[in-house]
Amino acid sequence: MKVKSLHSLVIAALLAGLAAHALLFPTPVQAQPSTPLTNMPTANGPIIVIVPDGMGGVYIGGAFTQLTLAPVHGGGTVTRNYIAHVLADGTVDPAWDPNADNLVLALAVSG
């Protein structure tokens, strides 16, 4: 009887661990827009969260450290550690660089 209880406890702990992992590291979703966003930058790692800024741009967070600008903006890379503000025109906001020290899993816009 004790072995069965211990076994159930171990299974419950494993399931709880898997649920926590799923919350922390959700499966990335690949957007398939009907019109490619050719003016937007690309990241060198996963973008985990996207939040609108209310002005046509977005705040992005994830496991990236650089954004590559679209060719219409001259290409090139911009260093942004784990968090960035992409303006409505597809450029990276030069005045906003919080320089996070680890991956960003959630964002909230205030104001």
PDB file of N, CA and C in Angstrom:
ATOM      1  N   MET A   1       0.819  -1.190   0.000  1.00  0.00           N
ATOM      2  CA  MET A   1       0.000   0.000   0.000  1.00  0.00           C
ATOM      3  C   MET A   1       0.867   1.259   0.000  1.00  0.00           C
ATOM      4  N   LYS A   2       1.940   1.251   0.765  1.00  0.00           N
ATOM      5  CA  LYS A   2       2.810   2.418   0.807  1.00  0.00           C
ATOM      6  C   LYS A   2       3.462   2.674  -0.541  1.00  0.00           C
ATOM      7  N   VAL A   3       3.843   1.621  -1.231  1.00  0.00           N
ATOM      8  CA  VAL A   3       4.477   1.784  -2.538  1.00  0.00           C
ATOM      9  C   VAL A   3       3.498   2.444  -3.507  1.00  0.00           C
ATOM     10  N   LYS A   4       2.242   2.028  -3.466  1.00  0.00           N
ATOM     11  CA  LYS A   4       1.249   2.620  -4.353  1.00  0.00           C
ATOM     12  C   LYS A   4       1.064   4.100  -4.028  1.00  0.00           C
ATOM     13  N   SER A   5       1.018   4.475  -2.751  1.00  0.00           N
ATOM     14  CA  SER A   5       0.866   5.874  -2.359  1.00  0.00           C
ATOM     15  C   SER A   5       2.086   6.685  -2.785  1.00  0.00           C
ATOM     16  N   LEU A   6       3.273   6.129  -2.568  1.00  0.00           N
ATOM     17  CA  LEU A   6       4.490   6.816  -2.974  1.00  0.00           C
ATOM     18  C   LEU A   6       4.515   6.979  -4.485  1.00  0.00           C
ATOM     19  N   HIS A   7       4.101   5.921  -5.184  1.00  0.00           N
ATOM     20  CA  HIS A   7       4.043   5.978  -6.640  1.00  0.00           C
ATOM     21  C   HIS A   7       3.091   7.087  -7.100  1.00  0.00           C
ATOM     22  N   SER A   8       1.917   7.179  -6.475  1.00  0.00           N
ATOM     23  CA  SER A   8       0.956   8.228  -6.821  1.00  0.00           C
ATOM     24  C   SER A   8       1.519   9.605  -6.523  1.00  0.00           C
ATOM     25  N   LEU A   9       2.238   9.727  -5.411  1.00  0.00           N
ATOM     26  CA  LEU A   9       2.833  11.002  -5.049  1.00  0.00           C
ATOM     27  C   LEU A   9       3.886  11.415  -6.069  1.00  0.00           C
ATOM     28  N   VAL A  10       4.699  10.476  -6.511  1.00  0.00           N
ATOM     29  CA  VAL A  10       5.731  10.761  -7.502  1.00  0.00           C
ATOM     30  C   VAL A  10       5.090  11.184  -8.823  1.00  0.00           C
ATOM     31  N   ILE A  11       4.042  10.488  -9.242  1.00  0.00           N
ATOM     32  CA  ILE A  11       3.354  10.847 -10.486  1.00  0.00           C
ATOM     33  C   ILE A  11       2.746  12.247 -10.364  1.00  0.00           C
ATOM     34  N   ALA A  12       2.120  12.537  -9.211  1.00  0.00           N
ATOM     35  CA  ALA A  12       1.530  13.863  -9.015  1.00  0.00           C
ATOM     36  C   ALA A  12       2.608  14.945  -9.062  1.00  0.00           C
ATOM     37  N   ALA A  13       3.761  14.687  -8.461  1.00  0.00           N
ATOM     38  CA  ALA A  13       4.855  15.664  -8.476  1.00  0.00           C
ATOM     39  C   ALA A  13       5.380  15.876  -9.898  1.00  0.00           C
ATOM     40  N   LEU A  14       5.497  14.793 -10.655  1.00  0.00           N
ATOM     41  CA  LEU A  14       5.945  14.913 -12.043  1.00  0.00           C
ATOM     42  C   LEU A  14       4.947  15.705 -12.888  1.00  0.00           C
ATOM     43  N   LEU A  15       3.649  15.437 -12.703  1.00  0.00           N
ATOM     44  CA  LEU A  15       2.632  16.175 -13.448  1.00  0.00           C
ATOM     45  C   LEU A  15       2.638  17.647 -13.077  1.00  0.00           C
ATOM     46  N   ALA A  16       2.822  17.953 -11.796  1.00  0.00           N
ATOM     47  CA  ALA A  16       2.892  19.351 -11.355  1.00  0.00           C
ATOM     48  C   ALA A  16       4.106  20.034 -11.968  1.00  0.00           C
ATOM     49  N   GLY A  17       5.217  19.329 -12.028  1.00  0.00           N
ATOM     50  CA  GLY A  17       6.415  19.877 -12.646  1.00  0.00           C
ATOM     51  C   GLY A  17       6.223  20.137 -14.129  1.00  0.00           C
ATOM     52  N   LEU A  18       5.559  19.210 -14.817  1.00  0.00           N
ATOM     53  CA  LEU A  18       5.276  19.404 -16.243  1.00  0.00           C
ATOM     54  C   LEU A  18       4.337  20.586 -16.467  1.00  0.00           C
ATOM     55  N   ALA A  19       3.341  20.737 -15.599  1.00  0.00           N
ATOM     56  CA  ALA A  19       2.409  21.862 -15.727  1.00  0.00           C
ATOM     57  C   ALA A  19       3.145  23.180 -15.514  1.00  0.00           C
ATOM     58  N   ALA A  20       4.028  23.239 -14.524  1.00  0.00           N
ATOM     59  CA  ALA A  20       4.800  24.453 -14.273  1.00  0.00           C
ATOM     60  C   ALA A  20       5.701  24.759 -15.464  1.00  0.00           C
ATOM     61  N   HIS A  21       6.326  23.737 -16.027  1.00  0.00           N
ATOM     62  CA  HIS A  21       7.189  23.928 -17.196  1.00  0.00           C
ATOM     63  C   HIS A  21       6.381  24.464 -18.376  1.00  0.00           C
ATOM     64  N   ALA A  22       5.176  23.933 -18.570  1.00  0.00           N
ATOM     65  CA  ALA A  22       4.333  24.388 -19.673  1.00  0.00           C
ATOM     66  C   ALA A  22       3.947  25.852 -19.503  1.00  0.00           C
ATOM     67  N   LEU A  23       3.744  26.289 -18.263  1.00  0.00           N
ATOM     68  CA  LEU A  23       3.412  27.689 -18.016  1.00  0.00           C
ATOM     69  C   LEU A  23       4.620  28.588 -18.252  1.00  0.00           C
ATOM     70  N   LEU A  24       5.795  28.131 -17.866  1.00  0.00           N
ATOM     71  CA  LEU A  24       6.995  28.949 -18.016  1.00  0.00           C
ATOM     72  C   LEU A  24       7.531  28.941 -19.441  1.00  0.00           C
ATOM     73  N   PHE A  25       7.375  27.834 -20.135  1.00  0.00           N
ATOM     74  CA  PHE A  25       7.922  27.701 -21.478  1.00  0.00           C
ATOM     75  C   PHE A  25       6.846  27.200 -22.431  1.00  0.00           C
ATOM     76  N   PRO A  26       5.881  28.069 -22.767  1.00  0.00           N
ATOM     77  CA  PRO A  26       4.811  27.624 -23.659  1.00  0.00           C
ATOM     78  C   PRO A  26       5.349  27.313 -25.055  1.00  0.00           C
ATOM     79  N   THR A  27       4.615  26.485 -25.760  1.00  0.00           N
ATOM     80  CA  THR A  27       4.999  26.140 -27.117  1.00  0.00           C
ATOM     81  C   THR A  27       4.881  27.376 -27.995  1.00  0.00           C
ATOM     82  N   PRO A  28       5.940  27.759 -28.696  1.00  0.00           N
ATOM     83  CA  PRO A  28       5.854  28.945 -29.551  1.00  0.00           C
ATOM     84  C   PRO A  28       4.844  28.764 -30.671  1.00  0.00           C
ATOM     85  N   VAL A  29       4.170  29.830 -30.996  1.00  0.00           N
ATOM     86  CA  VAL A  29       3.197  29.820 -32.083  1.00  0.00           C
ATOM     87  C   VAL A  29       3.810  30.564 -33.260  1.00  0.00           C
ATOM     88  N   GLN A  30       3.771  29.958 -34.405  1.00  0.00           N
ATOM     89  CA  GLN A  30       4.292  30.581 -35.608  1.00  0.00           C
ATOM     90  C   GLN A  30       3.144  31.286 -36.322  1.00  0.00           C
ATOM     91  N   ALA A  31       3.194  32.608 -36.355  1.00  0.00           N
ATOM     92  CA  ALA A  31       2.155  33.365 -37.035  1.00  0.00           C
ATOM     93  C   ALA A  31       2.258  33.144 -38.540  1.00  0.00           C
ATOM     94  N   GLN A  32       1.141  33.041 -39.182  1.00  0.00           N
ATOM     95  CA  GLN A  32       1.091  32.858 -40.627  1.00  0.00           C
ATOM     96  C   GLN A  32       0.225  33.963 -41.223  1.00  0.00           C
ATOM     97  N   PRO A  33       0.734  35.200 -41.262  1.00  0.00           N
ATOM     98  CA  PRO A  33      -0.087  36.285 -41.804  1.00  0.00           C
ATOM     99  C   PRO A  33      -0.319  36.109 -43.300  1.00  0.00           C
ATOM    100  N   SER A  34      -1.445  36.639 -43.763  1.00  0.00           N
ATOM    101  CA  SER A  34      -1.728  36.541 -45.194  1.00  0.00           C
ATOM    102  C   SER A  34      -0.849  37.503 -45.985  1.00  0.00           C
ATOM    103  N   THR A  35      -0.404  38.565 -45.331  1.00  0.00           N
ATOM    104  CA  THR A  35       0.503  39.515 -45.964  1.00  0.00           C
ATOM    105  C   THR A  35       1.779  39.573 -45.127  1.00  0.00           C
ATOM    106  N   PRO A  36       2.919  39.216 -45.684  1.00  0.00           N
ATOM    107  CA  PRO A  36       4.161  39.247 -44.903  1.00  0.00           C
ATOM    108  C   PRO A  36       4.454  40.654 -44.375  1.00  0.00           C
ATOM    109  N   LEU A  37       4.954  40.717 -43.157  1.00  0.00           N
ATOM    110  CA  LEU A  37       5.312  41.981 -42.529  1.00  0.00           C
ATOM    111  C   LEU A  37       6.764  42.288 -42.873  1.00  0.00           C
ATOM    112  N   THR A  38       6.984  42.753 -44.080  1.00  0.00           N
ATOM    113  CA  THR A  38       8.342  42.935 -44.590  1.00  0.00           C
ATOM    114  C   THR A  38       9.081  44.102 -43.957  1.00  0.00           C
ATOM    115  N   ASN A  39       8.383  44.963 -43.216  1.00  0.00           N
ATOM    116  CA  ASN A  39       9.057  46.102 -42.598  1.00  0.00           C
ATOM    117  C   ASN A  39       9.432  45.846 -41.141  1.00  0.00           C
ATOM    118  N   MET A  40       9.112  44.682 -40.614  1.00  0.00           N
ATOM    119  CA  MET A  40       9.375  44.381 -39.208  1.00  0.00           C
ATOM    120  C   MET A  40      10.728  43.690 -39.029  1.00  0.00           C
ATOM    121  N   PRO A  41      11.389  43.949 -37.890  1.00  0.00           N
ATOM    122  CA  PRO A  41      12.666  43.291 -37.621  1.00  0.00           C
ATOM    123  C   PRO A  41      12.464  41.826 -37.261  1.00  0.00           C
ATOM    124  N   THR A  42      13.533  41.056 -37.336  1.00  0.00           N
ATOM    125  CA  THR A  42      13.516  39.665 -36.889  1.00  0.00           C
ATOM    126  C   THR A  42      14.459  39.537 -35.698  1.00  0.00           C
ATOM    127  N   ALA A  43      14.193  38.560 -34.850  1.00  0.00           N
ATOM    128  CA  ALA A  43      14.989  38.362 -33.634  1.00  0.00           C
ATOM    129  C   ALA A  43      15.893  37.146 -33.792  1.00  0.00           C
ATOM    130  N   ASN A  44      17.008  37.142 -33.048  1.00  0.00           N
ATOM    131  CA  ASN A  44      17.931  36.011 -33.113  1.00  0.00           C
ATOM    132  C   ASN A  44      17.571  34.912 -32.110  1.00  0.00           C
ATOM    133  N   GLY A  45      16.405  35.001 -31.523  1.00  0.00           N
ATOM    134  CA  GLY A  45      15.904  33.982 -30.603  1.00  0.00           C
ATOM    135  C   GLY A  45      14.388  34.089 -30.539  1.00  0.00           C
ATOM    136  N   PRO A  46      13.756  33.222 -29.759  1.00  0.00           N
ATOM    137  CA  PRO A  46      12.293  33.232 -29.696  1.00  0.00           C
ATOM    138  C   PRO A  46      11.735  34.525 -29.111  1.00  0.00           C
ATOM    139  N   ILE A  47      10.661  35.004 -29.708  1.00  0.00           N
ATOM    140  CA  ILE A  47       9.866  36.078 -29.129  1.00  0.00           C
ATOM    141  C   ILE A  47       8.715  35.383 -28.410  1.00  0.00           C
ATOM    142  N   ILE A  48       8.638  35.554 -27.111  1.00  0.00           N
ATOM    143  CA  ILE A  48       7.666  34.825 -26.297  1.00  0.00           C
ATOM    144  C   ILE A  48       6.401  35.640 -26.059  1.00  0.00           C
ATOM    145  N   VAL A  49       6.542  36.948 -25.957  1.00  0.00           N
ATOM    146  CA  VAL A  49       5.392  37.787 -25.650  1.00  0.00           C
ATOM    147  C   VAL A  49       5.408  39.038 -26.523  1.00  0.00           C
ATOM    148  N   ILE A  50       4.223  39.423 -26.994  1.00  0.00           N
ATOM    149  CA  ILE A  50       4.049  40.629 -27.804  1.00  0.00           C
ATOM    150  C   ILE A  50       2.876  41.402 -27.212  1.00  0.00           C
ATOM    151  N   VAL A  51       3.108  42.696 -26.910  1.00  0.00           N
ATOM    152  CA  VAL A  51       2.061  43.537 -26.330  1.00  0.00           C
ATOM    153  C   VAL A  51       1.967  44.820 -27.148  1.00  0.00           C
ATOM    154  N   PRO A  52       0.776  45.192 -27.603  1.00  0.00           N
ATOM    155  CA  PRO A  52       0.628  46.441 -28.357  1.00  0.00           C
ATOM    156  C   PRO A  52       0.987  47.646 -27.487  1.00  0.00           C
ATOM    157  N   ASP A  53       1.575  48.662 -28.112  1.00  0.00           N
ATOM    158  CA  ASP A  53       1.936  49.863 -27.362  1.00  0.00           C
ATOM    159  C   ASP A  53       0.851  50.937 -27.418  1.00  0.00           C
ATOM    160  N   GLY A  54      -0.223  50.690 -28.152  1.00  0.00           N
ATOM    161  CA  GLY A  54      -1.311  51.648 -28.261  1.00  0.00           C
ATOM    162  C   GLY A  54      -1.086  52.707 -29.333  1.00  0.00           C
ATOM    163  N   MET A  55       0.054  52.668 -30.009  1.00  0.00           N
ATOM    164  CA  MET A  55       0.371  53.648 -31.053  1.00  0.00           C
ATOM    165  C   MET A  55       0.754  52.960 -32.365  1.00  0.00           C
ATOM    166  N   GLY A  56       0.378  51.691 -32.517  1.00  0.00           N
ATOM    167  CA  GLY A  56       0.681  50.955 -33.743  1.00  0.00           C
ATOM    168  C   GLY A  56       1.935  50.105 -33.678  1.00  0.00           C
ATOM    169  N   GLY A  57       2.709  50.258 -32.629  1.00  0.00           N
ATOM    170  CA  GLY A  57       3.906  49.447 -32.434  1.00  0.00           C
ATOM    171  C   GLY A  57       3.661  48.362 -31.400  1.00  0.00           C
ATOM    172  N   VAL A  58       4.715  47.657 -31.044  1.00  0.00           N
ATOM    173  CA  VAL A  58       4.594  46.588 -30.054  1.00  0.00           C
ATOM    174  C   VAL A  58       5.821  46.548 -29.143  1.00  0.00           C
ATOM    175  N   TYR A  59       5.609  46.091 -27.935  1.00  0.00           N
ATOM    176  CA  TYR A  59       6.701  45.712 -27.051  1.00  0.00           C
ATOM    177  C   TYR A  59       6.847  44.206 -27.194  1.00  0.00           C
ATOM    178  N   ILE A  60       8.083  43.727 -27.308  1.00  0.00           N
ATOM    179  CA  ILE A  60       8.316  42.289 -27.430  1.00  0.00           C
ATOM    180  C   ILE A  60       9.292  41.844 -26.344  1.00  0.00           C
ATOM    181  N   GLY A  61       9.104  40.637 -25.892  1.00  0.00           N
ATOM    182  CA  GLY A  61      10.010  40.055 -24.917  1.00  0.00           C
ATOM    183  C   GLY A  61      10.264  38.609 -25.271  1.00  0.00           C
ATOM    184  N   GLY A  62      11.385  38.080 -24.828  1.00  0.00           N
ATOM    185  CA  GLY A  62      11.687  36.688 -25.133  1.00  0.00           C
ATOM    186  C   GLY A  62      13.110  36.320 -24.803  1.00  0.00           C
ATOM    187  N   ALA A  63      13.690  35.467 -25.634  1.00  0.00           N
ATOM    188  CA  ALA A  63      15.044  34.941 -25.411  1.00  0.00           C
ATOM    189  C   ALA A  63      15.963  35.379 -26.544  1.00  0.00           C
ATOM    190  N   PHE A  64      15.899  36.643 -26.901  1.00  0.00           N
ATOM    191  CA  PHE A  64      16.725  37.176 -27.978  1.00  0.00           C
ATOM    192  C   PHE A  64      17.679  38.232 -27.419  1.00  0.00           C
ATOM    193  N   THR A  65      18.729  38.511 -28.162  1.00  0.00           N
ATOM    194  CA  THR A  65      19.671  39.562 -27.761  1.00  0.00           C
ATOM    195  C   THR A  65      19.934  40.557 -28.889  1.00  0.00           C
ATOM    196  N   GLN A  66      19.450  40.257 -30.080  1.00  0.00           N
ATOM    197  CA  GLN A  66      19.622  41.163 -31.210  1.00  0.00           C
ATOM    198  C   GLN A  66      18.393  41.123 -32.105  1.00  0.00           C
ATOM    199  N   LEU A  67      18.117  42.262 -32.713  1.00  0.00           N
ATOM    200  CA  LEU A  67      17.072  42.355 -33.726  1.00  0.00           C
ATOM    201  C   LEU A  67      17.734  42.774 -35.029  1.00  0.00           C
ATOM    202  N   THR A  68      17.367  42.118 -36.105  1.00  0.00           N
ATOM    203  CA  THR A  68      17.864  42.479 -37.427  1.00  0.00           C
ATOM    204  C   THR A  68      16.796  43.306 -38.114  1.00  0.00           C
ATOM    205  N   LEU A  69      17.162  44.517 -38.490  1.00  0.00           N
ATOM    206  CA  LEU A  69      16.214  45.414 -39.136  1.00  0.00           C
ATOM    207  C   LEU A  69      15.867  44.906 -40.527  1.00  0.00           C
ATOM    208  N   ALA A  70      14.659  45.205 -40.951  1.00  0.00           N
ATOM    209  CA  ALA A  70      14.211  44.830 -42.293  1.00  0.00           C
ATOM    210  C   ALA A  70      15.025  45.594 -43.333  1.00  0.00           C
ATOM    211  N   PRO A  71      15.191  45.027 -44.525  1.00  0.00           N
ATOM    212  CA  PRO A  71      15.943  45.711 -45.576  1.00  0.00           C
ATOM    213  C   PRO A  71      15.428  47.118 -45.886  1.00  0.00           C
ATOM    214  N   VAL A  72      14.112  47.345 -45.745  1.00  0.00           N
ATOM    215  CA  VAL A  72      13.574  48.685 -46.022  1.00  0.00           C
ATOM    216  C   VAL A  72      14.093  49.724 -45.027  1.00  0.00           C
ATOM    217  N   HIS A  73      14.635  49.253 -43.905  1.00  0.00           N
ATOM    218  CA  HIS A  73      15.208  50.148 -42.892  1.00  0.00           C
ATOM    219  C   HIS A  73      16.731  50.068 -42.879  1.00  0.00           C
ATOM    220  N   GLY A  74      17.309  49.526 -43.918  1.00  0.00           N
ATOM    221  CA  GLY A  74      18.761  49.481 -44.039  1.00  0.00           C
ATOM    222  C   GLY A  74      19.415  48.228 -43.514  1.00  0.00           C
ATOM    223  N   GLY A  75      18.631  47.269 -43.027  1.00  0.00           N
ATOM    224  CA  GLY A  75      19.227  46.044 -42.474  1.00  0.00           C
ATOM    225  C   GLY A  75      20.034  46.365 -41.228  1.00  0.00           C
ATOM    226  N   GLY A  76      21.030  45.590 -40.962  1.00  0.00           N
ATOM    227  CA  GLY A  76      21.849  45.801 -39.770  1.00  0.00           C
ATOM    228  C   GLY A  76      21.189  45.239 -38.528  1.00  0.00           C
ATOM    229  N   THR A  77      21.951  45.184 -37.455  1.00  0.00           N
ATOM    230  CA  THR A  77      21.434  44.633 -36.208  1.00  0.00           C
ATOM    231  C   THR A  77      21.436  45.689 -35.113  1.00  0.00           C
ATOM    232  N   VAL A  78      20.499  45.503 -34.199  1.00  0.00           N
ATOM    233  CA  VAL A  78      20.373  46.360 -33.027  1.00  0.00           C
ATOM    234  C   VAL A  78      20.409  45.443 -31.811  1.00  0.00           C
ATOM    235  N   THR A  79      21.269  45.739 -30.851  1.00  0.00           N
ATOM    236  CA  THR A  79      21.321  44.929 -29.635  1.00  0.00           C
ATOM    237  C   THR A  79      20.180  45.340 -28.714  1.00  0.00           C
ATOM    238  N   ARG A  80      19.362  44.372 -28.351  1.00  0.00           N
ATOM    239  CA  ARG A  80      18.303  44.545 -27.367  1.00  0.00           C
ATOM    240  C   ARG A  80      18.226  43.237 -26.600  1.00  0.00           C
ATOM    241  N   ASN A  81      18.602  43.283 -25.349  1.00  0.00           N
ATOM    242  CA  ASN A  81      18.641  42.077 -24.520  1.00  0.00           C
ATOM    243  C   ASN A  81      17.265  41.741 -23.959  1.00  0.00           C
ATOM    244  N   TYR A  82      16.628  40.763 -24.585  1.00  0.00           N
ATOM    245  CA  TYR A  82      15.413  40.115 -24.115  1.00  0.00           C
ATOM    246  C   TYR A  82      14.138  40.951 -24.192  1.00  0.00           C
ATOM    247  N   ILE A  83      14.242  42.253 -24.482  1.00  0.00           N
ATOM    248  CA  ILE A  83      13.061  43.107 -24.508  1.00  0.00           C
ATOM    249  C   ILE A  83      13.315  44.275 -25.456  1.00  0.00           C
ATOM    250  N   ALA A  84      12.282  44.654 -26.219  1.00  0.00           N
ATOM    251  CA  ALA A  84      12.457  45.756 -27.172  1.00  0.00           C
ATOM    252  C   ALA A  84      11.113  46.412 -27.459  1.00  0.00           C
ATOM    253  N   HIS A  85      11.188  47.628 -27.961  1.00  0.00           N
ATOM    254  CA  HIS A  85      10.012  48.356 -28.430  1.00  0.00           C
ATOM    255  C   HIS A  85      10.167  48.546 -29.929  1.00  0.00           C
ATOM    256  N   VAL A  86       9.266  47.933 -30.685  1.00  0.00           N
ATOM    257  CA  VAL A  86       9.265  48.076 -32.135  1.00  0.00           C
ATOM    258  C   VAL A  86       8.186  49.103 -32.482  1.00  0.00           C
ATOM    259  N   LEU A  87       8.598  50.170 -33.130  1.00  0.00           N
ATOM    260  CA  LEU A  87       7.675  51.239 -33.488  1.00  0.00           C
ATOM    261  C   LEU A  87       6.773  50.820 -34.643  1.00  0.00           C
ATOM    262  N   ALA A  88       5.709  51.582 -34.868  1.00  0.00           N
ATOM    263  CA  ALA A  88       4.723  51.241 -35.902  1.00  0.00           C
ATOM    264  C   ALA A  88       5.334  51.111 -37.289  1.00  0.00           C
ATOM    265  N   ASP A  89       6.406  51.853 -37.557  1.00  0.00           N
ATOM    266  CA  ASP A  89       7.031  51.775 -38.882  1.00  0.00           C
ATOM    267  C   ASP A  89       8.007  50.606 -39.025  1.00  0.00           C
ATOM    268  N   GLY A  90       8.186  49.821 -37.951  1.00  0.00           N
ATOM    269  CA  GLY A  90       9.060  48.650 -38.009  1.00  0.00           C
ATOM    270  C   GLY A  90      10.472  48.902 -37.530  1.00  0.00           C
ATOM    271  N   THR A  91      10.782  50.116 -37.115  1.00  0.00           N
ATOM    272  CA  THR A  91      12.105  50.403 -36.572  1.00  0.00           C
ATOM    273  C   THR A  91      12.115  50.100 -35.074  1.00  0.00           C
ATOM    274  N   VAL A  92      13.294  49.925 -34.538  1.00  0.00           N
ATOM    275  CA  VAL A  92      13.440  49.668 -33.106  1.00  0.00           C
ATOM    276  C   VAL A  92      13.625  51.014 -32.416  1.00  0.00           C
ATOM    277  N   ASP A  93      12.858  51.250 -31.372  1.00  0.00           N
ATOM    278  CA  ASP A  93      12.887  52.507 -30.635  1.00  0.00           C
ATOM    279  C   ASP A  93      14.288  52.742 -30.067  1.00  0.00           C
ATOM    280  N   PRO A  94      14.998  53.768 -30.549  1.00  0.00           N
ATOM    281  CA  PRO A  94      16.366  54.004 -30.080  1.00  0.00           C
ATOM    282  C   PRO A  94      16.420  54.555 -28.653  1.00  0.00           C
ATOM    283  N   ALA A  95      15.314  55.108 -28.180  1.00  0.00           N
ATOM    284  CA  ALA A  95      15.299  55.722 -26.849  1.00  0.00           C
ATOM    285  C   ALA A  95      14.872  54.748 -25.752  1.00  0.00           C
ATOM    286  N   TRP A  96      14.505  53.522 -26.112  1.00  0.00           N
ATOM    287  CA  TRP A  96      13.991  52.576 -25.108  1.00  0.00           C
ATOM    288  C   TRP A  96      14.822  51.299 -25.139  1.00  0.00           C
ATOM    289  N   ASP A  97      15.687  51.155 -24.152  1.00  0.00           N
ATOM    290  CA  ASP A  97      16.558  49.973 -24.054  1.00  0.00           C
ATOM    291  C   ASP A  97      16.752  49.608 -22.587  1.00  0.00           C
ATOM    292  N   PRO A  98      15.779  48.897 -21.990  1.00  0.00           N
ATOM    293  CA  PRO A  98      15.891  48.557 -20.568  1.00  0.00           C
ATOM    294  C   PRO A  98      16.995  47.547 -20.244  1.00  0.00           C
ATOM    295  N   ASN A  99      17.521  46.832 -21.260  1.00  0.00           N
ATOM    296  CA  ASN A  99      18.643  45.915 -21.073  1.00  0.00           C
ATOM    297  C   ASN A  99      18.380  44.879 -19.981  1.00  0.00           C
ATOM    298  N   ALA A 100      17.343  44.072 -20.170  1.00  0.00           N
ATOM    299  CA  ALA A 100      17.024  43.011 -19.204  1.00  0.00           C
ATOM    300  C   ALA A 100      18.181  42.026 -19.111  1.00  0.00           C
ATOM    301  N   ASP A 101      18.313  41.385 -17.966  1.00  0.00           N
ATOM    302  CA  ASP A 101      19.439  40.470 -17.776  1.00  0.00           C
ATOM    303  C   ASP A 101      19.059  38.996 -17.899  1.00  0.00           C
ATOM    304  N   ASN A 102      17.817  38.725 -18.317  1.00  0.00           N
ATOM    305  CA  ASN A 102      17.401  37.346 -18.523  1.00  0.00           C
ATOM    306  C   ASN A 102      16.150  37.356 -19.388  1.00  0.00           C
ATOM    307  N   LEU A 103      15.730  36.180 -19.841  1.00  0.00           N
ATOM    308  CA  LEU A 103      14.607  36.118 -20.757  1.00  0.00           C
ATOM    309  C   LEU A 103      13.349  36.713 -20.143  1.00  0.00           C
ATOM    310  N   VAL A 104      12.502  37.269 -21.003  1.00  0.00           N
ATOM    311  CA  VAL A 104      11.268  37.922 -20.588  1.00  0.00           C
ATOM    312  C   VAL A 104      10.098  37.033 -20.984  1.00  0.00           C
ATOM    313  N   LEU A 105       9.268  36.677 -19.994  1.00  0.00           N
ATOM    314  CA  LEU A 105       8.134  35.783 -20.226  1.00  0.00           C
ATOM    315  C   LEU A 105       6.799  36.502 -20.261  1.00  0.00           C
ATOM    316  N   ALA A 106       6.729  37.716 -19.701  1.00  0.00           N
ATOM    317  CA  ALA A 106       5.463  38.454 -19.648  1.00  0.00           C
ATOM    318  C   ALA A 106       5.742  39.946 -19.665  1.00  0.00           C
ATOM    319  N   LEU A 107       4.797  40.693 -20.213  1.00  0.00           N
ATOM    320  CA  LEU A 107       4.892  42.154 -20.262  1.00  0.00           C
ATOM    321  C   LEU A 107       3.507  42.730 -19.980  1.00  0.00           C
ATOM    322  N   ALA A 108       3.470  43.919 -19.409  1.00  0.00           N
ATOM    323  CA  ALA A 108       2.230  44.658 -19.229  1.00  0.00           C
ATOM    324  C   ALA A 108       2.520  46.119 -19.490  1.00  0.00           C
ATOM    325  N   VAL A 109       1.639  46.772 -20.238  1.00  0.00           N
ATOM    326  CA  VAL A 109       1.786  48.186 -20.536  1.00  0.00           C
ATOM    327  C   VAL A 109       0.940  48.965 -19.555  1.00  0.00           C
ATOM    328  N   SER A 110       1.518  49.989 -18.972  1.00  0.00           N
ATOM    329  CA  SER A 110       0.810  50.831 -18.016  1.00  0.00           C
ATOM    330  C   SER A 110       0.790  52.257 -18.528  1.00  0.00           C
ATOM    331  N   GLY A 111      -0.378  52.839 -18.572  1.00  0.00           N
ATOM    332  CA  GLY A 111      -0.478  54.246 -18.971  1.00  0.00           C
ATOM    333  C   GLY A 111      -0.796  54.450 -20.417  1.00  0.00           C
TER     334      GLY A 111
END
